[in-house]
Amino acid sequence: KIERPRYTREIALRAWALGQDFSLVLVTSPARDEGTVFLKRKSEIWNYIPSVDRVIKLPPSMMAQSWMGSDFSNDDLVRDTSLLSDYSHKIVDTENYNGRQAWIIELTPLAEAAIVWGKVKMWICQKDFIQLRTENYDQNNTLAQVLEFSNIKEMGGRNLPSRMVMSPVDSEQFTVLEYQKLDFNIEIKEDFFTQRNMQRLHR
């Protein structure tokens, strides 16, 4: 759900993932966006646009752009792949966050990494390692975005946050992402995540 001062827009999705390197997202509504597909293979993203029957590779210059008009960026779709390899990590503090004892971890991009943010801070639950909060800072070390995780419940046999809210700082807009159903025990292989399959799913 994309919340703006003058309107609200809802998008429904189905998504498949294999580890952190491969994912495929199919837009199922609204009607004008139905059939749009996003494919992630490691650090690269492709977009299938059904109205013109074309697959487009997103260039690096578009990684900071909004994803589907939301407050999530294209970079948010691929960043999990690089969290370990493109950042240095340091536990800077601990605190009780919404009733859960959490580590606060600071991620600083390595000099050679092509990273949108200048710094990232994460709150990780010490008991079950659930992500509770993420703060994204720009290149001037100013807080730009906050991502909050909530409604932790059992989904697919695991306790996970079912609701995420991405909020730009000093703005009335935000985007809510809610999981309706999660399955972890499905048979899926690398060859599912192909450009050909993007078009097949639409048809």
C-alpha atoms as a PDB file:
ATOM      1  CA  LYS A   1       0.000   0.000   0.000  1.00  0.00           C
ATOM      2  CA  ILE A   2       1.488   3.313  -1.169  1.00  0.00           C
ATOM      3  CA  GLU A   3       0.263   6.180   1.010  1.00  0.00           C
ATOM      4  CA  ARG A   4       0.486   9.739  -0.271  1.00  0.00           C
ATOM      5  CA  PRO A   5      -1.142  12.935   1.062  1.00  0.00           C
ATOM      6  CA  ARG A   6      -3.560  13.013  -1.888  1.00  0.00           C
ATOM      7  CA  TYR A   7      -4.075   9.333  -2.711  1.00  0.00           C
ATOM      8  CA  THR A   8      -3.618   5.702  -1.687  1.00  0.00           C
ATOM      9  CA  ARG A   9      -2.567   3.005  -4.135  1.00  0.00           C
ATOM     10  CA  GLU A  10      -2.563  -0.751  -3.535  1.00  0.00           C
ATOM     11  CA  ILE A  11      -0.561  -3.364  -5.457  1.00  0.00           C
ATOM     12  CA  ALA A  12      -0.838  -7.156  -5.066  1.00  0.00           C
ATOM     13  CA  LEU A  13       2.144  -9.384  -5.794  1.00  0.00           C
ATOM     14  CA  ARG A  14       3.261 -12.984  -5.996  1.00  0.00           C
ATOM     15  CA  ALA A  15       6.971 -13.577  -5.473  1.00  0.00           C
ATOM     16  CA  TRP A  16       9.400 -16.489  -5.658  1.00  0.00           C
ATOM     17  CA  ALA A  17      12.949 -16.571  -4.305  1.00  0.00           C
ATOM     18  CA  LEU A  18      15.910 -18.924  -4.193  1.00  0.00           C
ATOM     19  CA  GLY A  19      18.319 -17.859  -1.472  1.00  0.00           C
ATOM     20  CA  GLN A  20      19.286 -14.205  -1.732  1.00  0.00           C
ATOM     21  CA  ASP A  21      20.596 -14.298  -5.306  1.00  0.00           C
ATOM     22  CA  PHE A  22      17.434 -15.079  -7.265  1.00  0.00           C
ATOM     23  CA  SER A  23      13.916 -13.657  -7.088  1.00  0.00           C
ATOM     24  CA  LEU A  24      10.975 -13.090  -9.384  1.00  0.00           C
ATOM     25  CA  VAL A  25       8.037 -10.776  -8.630  1.00  0.00           C
ATOM     26  CA  LEU A  26       4.743 -10.882 -10.564  1.00  0.00           C
ATOM     27  CA  VAL A  27       2.258  -8.011 -10.197  1.00  0.00           C
ATOM     28  CA  THR A  28      -1.297  -9.415 -10.056  1.00  0.00           C
ATOM     29  CA  SER A  29      -3.244  -6.156  -9.523  1.00  0.00           C
ATOM     30  CA  PRO A  30      -4.340  -3.461 -10.238  1.00  0.00           C
ATOM     31  CA  ALA A  31      -5.412  -4.277 -13.784  1.00  0.00           C
ATOM     32  CA  ARG A  32      -3.226  -1.623 -15.409  1.00  0.00           C
ATOM     33  CA  ASP A  33      -0.066  -3.168 -13.887  1.00  0.00           C
ATOM     34  CA  GLU A  34      -1.135  -6.828 -14.018  1.00  0.00           C
ATOM     35  CA  GLY A  35       1.504  -9.028 -15.633  1.00  0.00           C
ATOM     36  CA  THR A  36       4.445  -6.734 -14.896  1.00  0.00           C
ATOM     37  CA  VAL A  37       7.390  -8.879 -13.780  1.00  0.00           C
ATOM     38  CA  PHE A  38      10.684  -8.115 -12.051  1.00  0.00           C
ATOM     39  CA  LEU A  39      13.563 -10.594 -12.167  1.00  0.00           C
ATOM     40  CA  LYS A  40      16.606 -10.418  -9.919  1.00  0.00           C
ATOM     41  CA  ARG A  41      19.686 -12.505 -10.654  1.00  0.00           C
ATOM     42  CA  LYS A  42      22.388 -11.654  -8.122  1.00  0.00           C
ATOM     43  CA  SER A  43      23.019  -7.890  -8.496  1.00  0.00           C
ATOM     44  CA  GLU A  44      21.082  -7.381 -11.729  1.00  0.00           C
ATOM     45  CA  ILE A  45      17.380  -6.613 -12.316  1.00  0.00           C
ATOM     46  CA  TRP A  46      15.207  -7.059 -15.393  1.00  0.00           C
ATOM     47  CA  ASN A  47      11.687  -5.694 -15.862  1.00  0.00           C
ATOM     48  CA  TYR A  48       9.067  -7.219 -18.179  1.00  0.00           C
ATOM     49  CA  ILE A  49       6.418  -4.753 -19.398  1.00  0.00           C
ATOM     50  CA  PRO A  50       3.424  -6.633 -20.856  1.00  0.00           C
ATOM     51  CA  SER A  51       1.892  -3.641 -22.675  1.00  0.00           C
ATOM     52  CA  VAL A  52       4.881  -3.525 -25.040  1.00  0.00           C
ATOM     53  CA  ASP A  53       5.955  -7.172 -24.582  1.00  0.00           C
ATOM     54  CA  ARG A  54       9.511  -6.148 -23.756  1.00  0.00           C
ATOM     55  CA  VAL A  55      12.143  -7.154 -21.205  1.00  0.00           C
ATOM     56  CA  ILE A  56      14.340  -4.262 -20.060  1.00  0.00           C
ATOM     57  CA  LYS A  57      17.507  -4.517 -17.980  1.00  0.00           C
ATOM     58  CA  LEU A  58      17.647  -1.781 -15.357  1.00  0.00           C
ATOM     59  CA  PRO A  59      20.930   0.178 -15.611  1.00  0.00           C
ATOM     60  CA  PRO A  60      22.946   1.140 -12.497  1.00  0.00           C
ATOM     61  CA  SER A  61      21.694   4.719 -12.860  1.00  0.00           C
ATOM     62  CA  MET A  62      18.154   3.513 -12.061  1.00  0.00           C
ATOM     63  CA  MET A  63      19.010   1.597  -8.892  1.00  0.00           C
ATOM     64  CA  ALA A  64      18.119   4.549  -6.650  1.00  0.00           C
ATOM     65  CA  GLN A  65      14.813   5.124  -8.479  1.00  0.00           C
ATOM     66  CA  SER A  66      11.448   4.328  -6.903  1.00  0.00           C
ATOM     67  CA  TRP A  67      10.139   0.773  -7.361  1.00  0.00           C
ATOM     68  CA  MET A  68       6.567   0.835  -8.762  1.00  0.00           C
ATOM     69  CA  GLY A  69       6.050   4.361  -7.420  1.00  0.00           C
ATOM     70  CA  SER A  70       6.635   3.217  -3.824  1.00  0.00           C
ATOM     71  CA  ASP A  71       9.139   4.333  -1.193  1.00  0.00           C
ATOM     72  CA  PHE A  72      11.203   1.211  -1.874  1.00  0.00           C
ATOM     73  CA  SER A  73      13.942   1.593  -4.479  1.00  0.00           C
ATOM     74  CA  ASN A  74      15.198  -0.809  -7.129  1.00  0.00           C
ATOM     75  CA  ASP A  75      18.331  -1.089  -4.999  1.00  0.00           C
ATOM     76  CA  ASP A  76      16.208  -2.433  -2.119  1.00  0.00           C
ATOM     77  CA  LEU A  77      15.421  -5.454  -4.326  1.00  0.00           C
ATOM     78  CA  VAL A  78      19.069  -6.446  -4.732  1.00  0.00           C
ATOM     79  CA  ARG A  79      20.791  -5.081  -1.636  1.00  0.00           C
ATOM     80  CA  ASP A  80      20.405  -8.275   0.433  1.00  0.00           C
ATOM     81  CA  THR A  81      22.841  -9.952  -1.968  1.00  0.00           C
ATOM     82  CA  SER A  82      25.597  -7.477  -1.081  1.00  0.00           C
ATOM     83  CA  LEU A  83      25.062  -6.980   2.659  1.00  0.00           C
ATOM     84  CA  LEU A  84      27.948  -9.296   3.515  1.00  0.00           C
ATOM     85  CA  SER A  85      30.324  -8.601   0.637  1.00  0.00           C
ATOM     86  CA  ASP A  86      29.953  -4.835   0.096  1.00  0.00           C
ATOM     87  CA  TYR A  87      29.863  -3.556   3.692  1.00  0.00           C
ATOM     88  CA  SER A  88      31.972  -3.637   6.822  1.00  0.00           C
ATOM     89  CA  HIS A  89      29.953  -4.425   9.946  1.00  0.00           C
ATOM     90  CA  LYS A  90      30.169  -3.329  13.551  1.00  0.00           C
ATOM     91  CA  ILE A  91      27.923  -3.796  16.590  1.00  0.00           C
ATOM     92  CA  VAL A  92      27.686  -0.264  17.948  1.00  0.00           C
ATOM     93  CA  ASP A  93      25.102  -0.662  20.720  1.00  0.00           C
ATOM     94  CA  THR A  94      22.305  -2.749  22.223  1.00  0.00           C
ATOM     95  CA  GLU A  95      18.845  -1.629  23.288  1.00  0.00           C
ATOM     96  CA  ASN A  96      15.334  -2.813  24.030  1.00  0.00           C
ATOM     97  CA  TYR A  97      13.338  -2.170  20.873  1.00  0.00           C
ATOM     98  CA  ASN A  98       9.576  -2.700  21.103  1.00  0.00           C
ATOM     99  CA  GLY A  99      10.023  -5.222  23.901  1.00  0.00           C
ATOM    100  CA  ARG A 100      12.853  -7.167  22.251  1.00  0.00           C
ATOM    101  CA  GLN A 101      16.534  -6.927  23.162  1.00  0.00           C
ATOM    102  CA  ALA A 102      18.367  -5.976  19.986  1.00  0.00           C
ATOM    103  CA  TRP A 103      21.852  -5.451  18.632  1.00  0.00           C
ATOM    104  CA  ILE A 104      22.365  -2.236  16.659  1.00  0.00           C
ATOM    105  CA  ILE A 105      24.669  -3.028  13.752  1.00  0.00           C
ATOM    106  CA  GLU A 106      26.288  -0.310  11.626  1.00  0.00           C
ATOM    107  CA  LEU A 107      27.066  -1.166   8.000  1.00  0.00           C
ATOM    108  CA  THR A 108      29.593   0.999   6.151  1.00  0.00           C
ATOM    109  CA  PRO A 109      30.052   0.469   2.399  1.00  0.00           C
ATOM    110  CA  LEU A 110      33.513  -0.562   1.237  1.00  0.00           C
ATOM    111  CA  ALA A 111      35.374   1.974  -0.894  1.00  0.00           C
ATOM    112  CA  GLU A 112      35.026  -0.065  -4.102  1.00  0.00           C
ATOM    113  CA  ALA A 113      31.333  -0.936  -3.608  1.00  0.00           C
ATOM    114  CA  ALA A 114      28.690   0.707  -5.812  1.00  0.00           C
ATOM    115  CA  ILE A 115      26.224   1.428  -2.991  1.00  0.00           C
ATOM    116  CA  VAL A 116      23.366   3.931  -2.923  1.00  0.00           C
ATOM    117  CA  TRP A 117      23.565   4.707   0.819  1.00  0.00           C
ATOM    118  CA  GLY A 118      26.447   6.194   2.770  1.00  0.00           C
ATOM    119  CA  LYS A 119      25.624   4.123   5.869  1.00  0.00           C
ATOM    120  CA  VAL A 120      23.016   1.631   7.081  1.00  0.00           C
ATOM    121  CA  LYS A 121      22.019   0.804  10.665  1.00  0.00           C
ATOM    122  CA  MET A 122      20.053  -2.315  11.576  1.00  0.00           C
ATOM    123  CA  TRP A 123      18.304  -3.443  14.761  1.00  0.00           C
ATOM    124  CA  ILE A 124      18.478  -7.258  15.035  1.00  0.00           C
ATOM    125  CA  CYS A 125      16.630  -9.242  17.724  1.00  0.00           C
ATOM    126  CA  GLN A 126      19.156 -11.089  19.889  1.00  0.00           C
ATOM    127  CA  LYS A 127      16.803 -13.993  20.595  1.00  0.00           C
ATOM    128  CA  ASP A 128      15.721 -15.075  17.113  1.00  0.00           C
ATOM    129  CA  PHE A 129      17.728 -12.763  14.791  1.00  0.00           C
ATOM    130  CA  ILE A 130      14.615 -11.091  13.346  1.00  0.00           C
ATOM    131  CA  GLN A 131      15.231  -7.736  11.702  1.00  0.00           C
ATOM    132  CA  LEU A 132      13.299  -5.053  13.628  1.00  0.00           C
ATOM    133  CA  ARG A 133      14.389  -1.753  12.088  1.00  0.00           C
ATOM    134  CA  THR A 134      16.677  -0.396   9.366  1.00  0.00           C
ATOM    135  CA  GLU A 135      17.888   3.183   8.938  1.00  0.00           C
ATOM    136  CA  ASN A 136      19.355   4.346   5.612  1.00  0.00           C
ATOM    137  CA  TYR A 137      21.708   7.345   5.635  1.00  0.00           C
ATOM    138  CA  ASP A 138      22.737   9.397   2.607  1.00  0.00           C
ATOM    139  CA  GLN A 139      26.288  10.240   1.577  1.00  0.00           C
ATOM    140  CA  ASN A 140      26.261  13.229   3.968  1.00  0.00           C
ATOM    141  CA  ASN A 141      25.486  10.905   6.904  1.00  0.00           C
ATOM    142  CA  THR A 142      21.951  12.305   7.188  1.00  0.00           C
ATOM    143  CA  LEU A 143      19.098   9.916   7.981  1.00  0.00           C
ATOM    144  CA  ALA A 144      17.004   9.540   4.811  1.00  0.00           C
ATOM    145  CA  GLN A 145      14.705   6.529   5.323  1.00  0.00           C
ATOM    146  CA  VAL A 146      13.421   4.287   8.099  1.00  0.00           C
ATOM    147  CA  LEU A 147      12.158   0.732   7.542  1.00  0.00           C
ATOM    148  CA  GLU A 148      10.218  -0.740  10.473  1.00  0.00           C
ATOM    149  CA  PHE A 149       9.226  -4.391  10.889  1.00  0.00           C
ATOM    150  CA  SER A 150       6.211  -5.457  12.968  1.00  0.00           C
ATOM    151  CA  ASN A 151       3.344  -7.951  13.380  1.00  0.00           C
ATOM    152  CA  ILE A 152       5.705 -10.825  14.098  1.00  0.00           C
ATOM    153  CA  LYS A 153       3.845 -14.120  13.726  1.00  0.00           C
ATOM    154  CA  GLU A 154       4.268 -17.687  12.505  1.00  0.00           C
ATOM    155  CA  MET A 155       4.261 -17.903   8.728  1.00  0.00           C
ATOM    156  CA  GLY A 156       5.327 -21.030   6.893  1.00  0.00           C
ATOM    157  CA  GLY A 157       6.500 -22.556  10.169  1.00  0.00           C
ATOM    158  CA  ARG A 158       8.761 -19.622  11.088  1.00  0.00           C
ATOM    159  CA  ASN A 159       8.313 -16.543  13.259  1.00  0.00           C
ATOM    160  CA  LEU A 160       8.732 -13.524  10.983  1.00  0.00           C
ATOM    161  CA  PRO A 161       7.588  -9.904  10.697  1.00  0.00           C
ATOM    162  CA  SER A 162       4.533  -9.850   8.423  1.00  0.00           C
ATOM    163  CA  ARG A 163       4.418  -6.054   8.058  1.00  0.00           C
ATOM    164  CA  MET A 164       7.084  -3.593   6.869  1.00  0.00           C
ATOM    165  CA  VAL A 165       6.734   0.170   6.657  1.00  0.00           C
ATOM    166  CA  MET A 166       9.212   2.261   4.644  1.00  0.00           C
ATOM    167  CA  SER A 167       9.073   5.965   5.540  1.00  0.00           C
ATOM    168  CA  PRO A 168      11.179   8.774   4.074  1.00  0.00           C
ATOM    169  CA  VAL A 169      12.307  11.173   6.803  1.00  0.00           C
ATOM    170  CA  ASP A 170      10.425  14.487   7.113  1.00  0.00           C
ATOM    171  CA  SER A 171       7.642  13.338   4.801  1.00  0.00           C
ATOM    172  CA  GLU A 172       3.972  12.465   5.143  1.00  0.00           C
ATOM    173  CA  GLN A 173       4.267   9.598   2.659  1.00  0.00           C
ATOM    174  CA  PHE A 174       5.109   5.961   3.367  1.00  0.00           C
ATOM    175  CA  THR A 175       4.756   2.474   1.885  1.00  0.00           C
ATOM    176  CA  VAL A 176       3.392  -0.592   3.705  1.00  0.00           C
ATOM    177  CA  LEU A 177       4.336  -4.117   2.593  1.00  0.00           C
ATOM    178  CA  GLU A 178       2.321  -6.957   4.145  1.00  0.00           C
ATOM    179  CA  TYR A 179       2.864 -10.680   3.658  1.00  0.00           C
ATOM    180  CA  GLN A 180      -0.411 -12.618   3.310  1.00  0.00           C
ATOM    181  CA  LYS A 181       1.178 -16.069   2.948  1.00  0.00           C
ATOM    182  CA  LEU A 182       4.686 -17.526   2.947  1.00  0.00           C
ATOM    183  CA  ASP A 183       5.801 -21.026   1.889  1.00  0.00           C
ATOM    184  CA  PHE A 184       9.350 -22.246   2.410  1.00  0.00           C
ATOM    185  CA  ASN A 185       9.135 -25.895   1.374  1.00  0.00           C
ATOM    186  CA  ILE A 186       8.544 -25.573  -2.359  1.00  0.00           C
ATOM    187  CA  GLU A 187      10.587 -27.180  -5.130  1.00  0.00           C
ATOM    188  CA  ILE A 188      12.241 -24.426  -7.157  1.00  0.00           C
ATOM    189  CA  LYS A 189      15.432 -24.290  -9.215  1.00  0.00           C
ATOM    190  CA  GLU A 190      17.680 -21.651 -10.757  1.00  0.00           C
ATOM    191  CA  ASP A 191      16.210 -22.163 -14.216  1.00  0.00           C
ATOM    192  CA  PHE A 192      12.871 -20.780 -12.945  1.00  0.00           C
ATOM    193  CA  PHE A 193      14.480 -17.327 -12.720  1.00  0.00           C
ATOM    194  CA  THR A 194      14.893 -16.552 -16.419  1.00  0.00           C
ATOM    195  CA  GLN A 195      13.770 -13.850 -18.828  1.00  0.00           C
ATOM    196  CA  ARG A 196      11.757 -16.449 -20.748  1.00  0.00           C
ATOM    197  CA  ASN A 197       9.850 -17.342 -17.592  1.00  0.00           C
ATOM    198  CA  MET A 198       9.032 -13.671 -16.990  1.00  0.00           C
ATOM    199  CA  GLN A 199       7.015 -13.651 -20.214  1.00  0.00           C
ATOM    200  CA  ARG A 200       5.552 -17.125 -19.634  1.00  0.00           C
ATOM    201  CA  LEU A 201       4.126 -16.133 -16.241  1.00  0.00           C
ATOM    202  CA  HIS A 202       2.294 -13.228 -17.844  1.00  0.00           C
ATOM    203  CA  ARG A 203       0.668 -15.478 -20.429  1.00  0.00           C
END
